[in-house]
């Protein structure tokens, strides 16, 4: 049963993937604190790993072109085991909603609007996402395309305006990174910004030209990674090894822009860009969650789930962390468990599907 009636284009799929990766600017803070000026090495390594996983995701879609992840789990693992794995994925998708809402709300209430209570940001963001989700995947894709282009433009503007403050010496010494820290940083990169692409197994069935899903998905991955790399290189060139002490290196870079005392306060532009980033990211996870639940219970529509899930997410977003420090520590722990959903389950699913194809 096809719950979602909307259809998106391959180009819109590309923009959604780029948009999801653009929100990784928050993740940079976690990784740069570990790998410092060599964060770009972890990024490139993560890109290689996730490229193989993108092949896995698109191969599953090719074998089951009209099936989303929940349906694929039932086909591959059987009725009972498939349902158990699907429940785990539903929780995985849902958990990303309050954690990202809390993350952006903490940033806004700490840096941009310190006099405003965190709860205000949480409620406003969730309510906006609720409205968007009710409009369906086509509206999400249209908004995603616009926001992604705007964010690329803002990234270019900030990078150009800060060129005079970049110093190549900040990259020295090259390749001097502790192997354990390199593995830890790469694991976070693979799990949080890149691994979240597993969510698109809930969206692939609604692309109009399924034969081009693989090509346009890789275009999104490549473009998103290039932008991510530019941001990391820019931040390192400007801030050097002191960049890791900042919760938001990109925010600090934007604050340093001062062109003749006229072009200043660019951190406000960064704040708007960050809000666009996380809004789109939350919408993608929100959509995947309600669609997964509707598919699991064989409902005819996911609209009845949008408001209850939003209320639960609001409550959890406000209460899940006692402090930003606890939130930061949890990110390292989460990245370990996320590997199960991002790499392990999809790889096993493809192997089982391949074996079954051989046997028939």
Foldseek 3Di string as FASTA:
>chain_A
DDQAPAFDALLLVLLLLLLLLLLCLLVCLLLCLLFPLALLVLLVVLLVVLLVLLVLLLVLCVVVVQDFQLVLLCVQVNPPRSLVVLVVVLVVLLVVQLLLQLVLLCCCCVPPNVPDDSLVSLLVLLVVLLVQVLVGDHSLSVLSNVLSVVLVVLLVVLLVLLVVLFAPCLSPPPPPHDPVSSVLSSLLSNQPRSLVCSLCSRVSSRYPDNVCNSVSSVSSSVVSSVSVSSQSNSLSRRPRRCLNVDSRSSLVSQQPRQDPVPDHPSSVVVSVSSSSSSSSNSSSSLNSNLSSVCVSVVHSHSSVVSVVSSVVSSVCSVPVDPDVVRSSVVSSVVSVVSCCVRPVVSVVSSVSVVVVVVVD
